[in-house]
Amino acid sequence: MSEQVEVYVDNVLATRRKACLCEIGNEQHWIPWRVIDKGSDIKSVGDSGTAYIAPWFAERVGLA
């Protein structure tokens, strides 16, 4: 298993079957569930906390 990127999510604004809209700092990002580790704190709208994101995705959207 590769190392995950730890990101603090201020608020989950919306969820869909395949992704969630996360407020991180002053930015919003749609993050696919498949790149979020199951041990992350975010699961539903209104959640905040640590999300463990796949490194390739975090780099692609500027979170790494």
C-alpha atoms as a PDB file:
ATOM      1  CA  MET A   1       0.000   0.000   0.000  1.00  0.00           C
ATOM      2  CA  SER A   2       1.381   3.391  -0.960  1.00  0.00           C
ATOM      3  CA  GLU A   3       1.591   6.326   1.418  1.00  0.00           C
ATOM      4  CA  GLN A   4      -1.548   8.505   1.487  1.00  0.00           C
ATOM      5  CA  VAL A   5      -1.651  12.311   1.537  1.00  0.00           C
ATOM      6  CA  GLU A   6      -3.280  13.651   4.698  1.00  0.00           C
ATOM      7  CA  VAL A   7      -5.668  16.555   3.984  1.00  0.00           C
ATOM      8  CA  TYR A   8      -7.881  18.432   6.455  1.00  0.00           C
ATOM      9  CA  VAL A   9     -11.414  18.858   5.091  1.00  0.00           C
ATOM     10  CA  ASP A  10     -13.232  21.831   6.643  1.00  0.00           C
ATOM     11  CA  ASN A  11     -16.660  20.688   5.452  1.00  0.00           C
ATOM     12  CA  VAL A  12     -18.254  18.141   3.135  1.00  0.00           C
ATOM     13  CA  LEU A  13     -20.686  20.259   1.114  1.00  0.00           C
ATOM     14  CA  ALA A  14     -22.312  17.542  -1.032  1.00  0.00           C
ATOM     15  CA  THR A  15     -22.046  13.856  -1.765  1.00  0.00           C
ATOM     16  CA  ARG A  16     -22.830  11.820  -4.832  1.00  0.00           C
ATOM     17  CA  ARG A  17     -22.508   8.134  -5.521  1.00  0.00           C
ATOM     18  CA  LYS A  18     -18.992   8.503  -6.922  1.00  0.00           C
ATOM     19  CA  ALA A  19     -17.590  11.649  -5.245  1.00  0.00           C
ATOM     20  CA  CYS A  20     -17.941  14.257  -2.545  1.00  0.00           C
ATOM     21  CA  LEU A  21     -17.576  18.036  -2.717  1.00  0.00           C
ATOM     22  CA  CYS A  22     -15.112  19.104  -0.040  1.00  0.00           C
ATOM     23  CA  GLU A  23     -14.269  22.558   1.249  1.00  0.00           C
ATOM     24  CA  ILE A  24     -10.538  22.633   1.925  1.00  0.00           C
ATOM     25  CA  GLY A  25      -9.288  26.019   3.048  1.00  0.00           C
ATOM     26  CA  ASN A  26     -10.905  28.539   0.724  1.00  0.00           C
ATOM     27  CA  GLU A  27     -11.217  26.063  -2.160  1.00  0.00           C
ATOM     28  CA  GLN A  28     -13.779  23.448  -3.162  1.00  0.00           C
ATOM     29  CA  HIS A  29     -12.804  20.116  -4.706  1.00  0.00           C
ATOM     30  CA  TRP A  30     -14.831  17.188  -6.006  1.00  0.00           C
ATOM     31  CA  ILE A  31     -12.953  14.155  -4.714  1.00  0.00           C
ATOM     32  CA  PRO A  32     -13.847  10.660  -5.944  1.00  0.00           C
ATOM     33  CA  TRP A  33     -14.633   8.202  -3.142  1.00  0.00           C
ATOM     34  CA  ARG A  34     -12.286   5.691  -4.781  1.00  0.00           C
ATOM     35  CA  VAL A  35      -9.246   7.878  -3.945  1.00  0.00           C
ATOM     36  CA  ILE A  36     -10.288   8.475  -0.300  1.00  0.00           C
ATOM     37  CA  ASP A  37      -9.048   5.877   2.174  1.00  0.00           C
ATOM     38  CA  LYS A  38     -11.816   4.162   4.165  1.00  0.00           C
ATOM     39  CA  GLY A  39     -10.105   5.234   7.422  1.00  0.00           C
ATOM     40  CA  SER A  40     -10.793   8.900   6.684  1.00  0.00           C
ATOM     41  CA  ASP A  41     -13.056  11.010   8.914  1.00  0.00           C
ATOM     42  CA  ILE A  42     -15.323  12.183   6.079  1.00  0.00           C
ATOM     43  CA  LYS A  43     -18.334  10.084   5.144  1.00  0.00           C
ATOM     44  CA  SER A  44     -21.327  12.416   4.643  1.00  0.00           C
ATOM     45  CA  VAL A  45     -22.502  16.025   4.251  1.00  0.00           C
ATOM     46  CA  GLY A  46     -21.457  18.229   7.161  1.00  0.00           C
ATOM     47  CA  ASP A  47     -18.470  16.090   8.138  1.00  0.00           C
ATOM     48  CA  SER A  48     -15.056  17.615   8.751  1.00  0.00           C
ATOM     49  CA  GLY A  49     -11.736  16.074   9.613  1.00  0.00           C
ATOM     50  CA  THR A  50      -8.810  14.265   8.097  1.00  0.00           C
ATOM     51  CA  ALA A  51      -9.053  12.640   4.692  1.00  0.00           C
ATOM     52  CA  TYR A  52      -6.365  10.299   3.413  1.00  0.00           C
ATOM     53  CA  ILE A  53      -6.135  10.801  -0.342  1.00  0.00           C
ATOM     54  CA  ALA A  54      -4.279   8.833  -3.015  1.00  0.00           C
ATOM     55  CA  PRO A  55      -1.025  10.715  -3.750  1.00  0.00           C
ATOM     56  CA  TRP A  56      -1.502  10.828  -7.534  1.00  0.00           C
ATOM     57  CA  PHE A  57      -4.894  12.521  -7.123  1.00  0.00           C
ATOM     58  CA  ALA A  58      -3.726  14.949  -4.441  1.00  0.00           C
ATOM     59  CA  GLU A  59      -0.879  16.079  -6.702  1.00  0.00           C
ATOM     60  CA  ARG A  60      -3.199  16.399  -9.700  1.00  0.00           C
ATOM     61  CA  VAL A  61      -5.574  18.805  -7.912  1.00  0.00           C
ATOM     62  CA  GLY A  62      -2.903  20.685  -5.944  1.00  0.00           C
ATOM     63  CA  LEU A  63      -3.487  19.197  -2.481  1.00  0.00           C
ATOM     64  CA  ALA A  64      -0.089  17.579  -2.094  1.00  0.00           C
END
